[in-house]
Amino acid sequence: MARRRSTRSRSNDSSDPGDAALEVHQHIYQLKKDRDESSRAVSEKYGAALAEIQARASAWLEDLQRRRTQRMLQCLTEIIDLTERREAIEVKMADVVAKADARVEELEAMTMAGYAGREKDAAIALEKVAAHQHGS
């Protein structure tokens, strides 16, 4: 260490314990100051890193929520489309059943008319046979 120049006379330039204590005190003060600055720098770096991690986590969560919402909307849209499709099929089936029922009733009426005509023809033929047998 370089000795400081003293303003005192040379006769008093001996190793003064007060000067040594002052130098030690200044050295301790400088070390504390360096430690505080280093600590502050580490704390700021930690804060910045933590803020970055929080921002990334927040962005990830927002993205996850957005994707979940989109998937839910897709599912709901598909459910609505399928429900509308089912309802359209039900309407068509009801129409087909109604038309088939009308055809069956029409066929039944024609069959009954045919049976009535045959019954009438059979009755006439029976009368002819009976009249022929009575006339003979």
Protein backbone atom coordinates (compact mmCIF):
# COMPACT_ATOMS: atom_id res chain seq x y z
CA MET A 1 0.00 0.00 0.00
CA ALA A 2 1.15 3.42 -0.81
CA ARG A 3 1.45 5.69 2.11
CA ARG A 4 -0.46 8.84 2.04
CA ARG A 5 1.26 12.05 2.41
CA SER A 6 0.61 13.56 5.68
CA THR A 7 0.26 17.26 6.25
CA ARG A 8 1.93 16.84 9.58
CA SER A 9 5.55 17.38 10.13
CA ARG A 10 8.03 14.59 9.64
CA SER A 11 8.55 14.21 13.30
CA ASN A 12 4.95 13.07 13.62
CA ASP A 13 5.07 10.74 10.54
CA SER A 14 5.29 7.64 12.58
CA SER A 15 2.70 4.92 12.16
CA ASP A 16 -0.23 6.57 13.75
CA PRO A 17 -2.89 4.08 14.90
CA GLY A 18 -5.57 6.64 14.00
CA ASP A 19 -4.43 6.72 10.38
CA ALA A 20 -4.40 2.94 10.17
CA ALA A 21 -7.87 2.75 11.70
CA LEU A 22 -9.14 5.35 9.24
CA GLU A 23 -7.69 3.38 6.31
CA VAL A 24 -9.26 0.15 7.59
CA HIS A 25 -12.58 1.92 8.07
CA GLN A 26 -12.45 3.31 4.51
CA HIS A 27 -11.52 -0.11 3.15
CA ILE A 28 -14.43 -1.74 5.03
CA TYR A 29 -16.75 1.00 3.77
CA GLN A 30 -15.60 0.38 0.18
CA LEU A 31 -16.08 -3.39 0.56
CA LYS A 32 -19.61 -2.86 1.91
CA LYS A 33 -20.36 -0.49 -0.95
CA ASP A 34 -19.07 -3.03 -3.51
CA ARG A 35 -21.11 -5.78 -1.83
CA ASP A 36 -24.26 -3.63 -1.91
CA GLU A 37 -23.75 -2.80 -5.60
CA SER A 38 -23.12 -6.44 -6.44
CA SER A 39 -26.16 -7.48 -4.42
CA ARG A 40 -28.30 -4.85 -6.17
CA ALA A 41 -27.09 -6.04 -9.59
CA VAL A 42 -27.89 -9.67 -8.73
CA SER A 43 -31.29 -8.63 -7.39
CA GLU A 44 -32.07 -6.68 -10.56
CA LYS A 45 -30.94 -9.58 -12.74
CA TYR A 46 -33.09 -11.96 -10.66
CA GLY A 47 -36.07 -9.61 -10.95
CA ALA A 48 -35.66 -9.38 -14.72
CA ALA A 49 -35.35 -13.17 -15.06
CA LEU A 50 -38.40 -13.69 -12.84
CA ALA A 51 -40.41 -11.15 -14.85
CA GLU A 52 -39.43 -12.94 -18.07
CA ILE A 53 -40.45 -16.32 -16.66
CA GLN A 54 -43.76 -14.88 -15.45
CA ALA A 55 -44.41 -13.31 -18.85
CA ARG A 56 -43.64 -16.58 -20.63
CA ALA A 57 -45.85 -18.56 -18.23
CA SER A 58 -48.66 -16.05 -18.65
CA ALA A 59 -48.38 -16.18 -22.45
CA TRP A 60 -48.36 -19.99 -22.34
CA LEU A 61 -51.48 -20.06 -20.16
CA GLU A 62 -53.25 -17.57 -22.41
CA ASP A 63 -52.36 -19.68 -25.45
CA LEU A 64 -53.59 -22.83 -23.70
CA GLN A 65 -56.87 -21.13 -22.76
CA ARG A 66 -57.29 -19.82 -26.32
CA ARG A 67 -56.71 -23.30 -27.77
CA ARG A 68 -59.17 -24.83 -25.28
CA THR A 69 -61.77 -22.22 -26.15
CA GLN A 70 -61.29 -22.83 -29.88
CA ARG A 71 -61.61 -26.59 -29.38
CA MET A 72 -64.78 -26.12 -27.33
CA LEU A 73 -66.23 -23.87 -30.04
CA GLN A 74 -65.39 -26.49 -32.67
CA CYS A 75 -67.10 -29.20 -30.61
CA LEU A 76 -70.18 -27.04 -30.01
CA THR A 77 -70.37 -26.15 -33.70
CA GLU A 78 -70.13 -29.83 -34.61
CA ILE A 79 -72.85 -30.71 -32.08
CA ILE A 80 -75.13 -28.00 -33.51
CA ASP A 81 -74.49 -29.19 -37.08
CA LEU A 82 -75.17 -32.81 -36.15
CA THR A 83 -78.34 -31.85 -34.27
CA GLU A 84 -79.62 -29.90 -37.28
CA ARG A 85 -78.74 -32.81 -39.54
CA ARG A 86 -80.57 -35.26 -37.25
CA GLU A 87 -83.64 -33.01 -37.22
CA ALA A 88 -83.61 -32.81 -41.03
CA ILE A 89 -83.36 -36.61 -41.24
CA GLU A 90 -86.26 -36.95 -38.77
CA VAL A 91 -88.39 -34.60 -40.91
CA LYS A 92 -87.56 -36.61 -44.05
CA MET A 93 -88.31 -39.89 -42.27
CA ALA A 94 -91.66 -38.55 -41.03
CA ASP A 95 -92.48 -37.54 -44.63
CA VAL A 96 -91.44 -40.98 -45.97
CA VAL A 97 -93.53 -42.73 -43.29
CA ALA A 98 -96.55 -40.52 -44.04
CA LYS A 99 -96.24 -41.22 -47.78
CA ALA A 100 -95.80 -44.96 -47.16
CA ASP A 101 -98.87 -44.96 -44.89
CA ALA A 102 -100.90 -43.16 -47.57
CA ARG A 103 -99.76 -45.74 -50.17
CA VAL A 104 -100.66 -48.61 -47.86
CA GLU A 105 -104.12 -47.13 -47.31
CA GLU A 106 -104.50 -46.65 -51.08
CA LEU A 107 -103.45 -50.27 -51.71
CA GLU A 108 -105.78 -51.46 -48.98
CA ALA A 109 -108.69 -49.55 -50.56
CA MET A 110 -107.88 -51.00 -53.99
CA THR A 111 -107.60 -54.51 -52.53
CA MET A 112 -110.90 -54.11 -50.70
CA ALA A 113 -112.53 -52.83 -53.91
CA GLY A 114 -111.12 -55.85 -55.74
CA TYR A 115 -112.45 -58.20 -53.06
CA ALA A 116 -115.86 -56.51 -53.18
CA GLY A 117 -115.92 -56.90 -56.97
CA ARG A 118 -114.94 -60.56 -56.75
CA GLU A 119 -117.47 -61.14 -54.00
CA LYS A 120 -120.15 -59.59 -56.22
CA ASP A 121 -119.00 -61.70 -59.20
CA ALA A 122 -119.01 -64.82 -57.01
CA ALA A 123 -122.51 -64.03 -55.77
CA ILE A 124 -123.77 -63.59 -59.36
CA ALA A 125 -122.06 -66.81 -60.43
CA LEU A 126 -123.54 -68.60 -57.44
CA GLU A 127 -127.00 -67.32 -58.30
CA LYS A 128 -126.58 -68.52 -61.88
CA VAL A 129 -125.48 -71.93 -60.71
CA ALA A 130 -128.36 -72.09 -58.24
CA ALA A 131 -130.83 -70.92 -60.88
CA HIS A 132 -129.47 -73.40 -63.33
CA GLN A 133 -129.80 -76.19 -60.82
CA HIS A 134 -133.35 -75.19 -59.93
CA GLY A 135 -134.29 -74.80 -63.51
CA SER A 136 -133.12 -78.11 -64.54
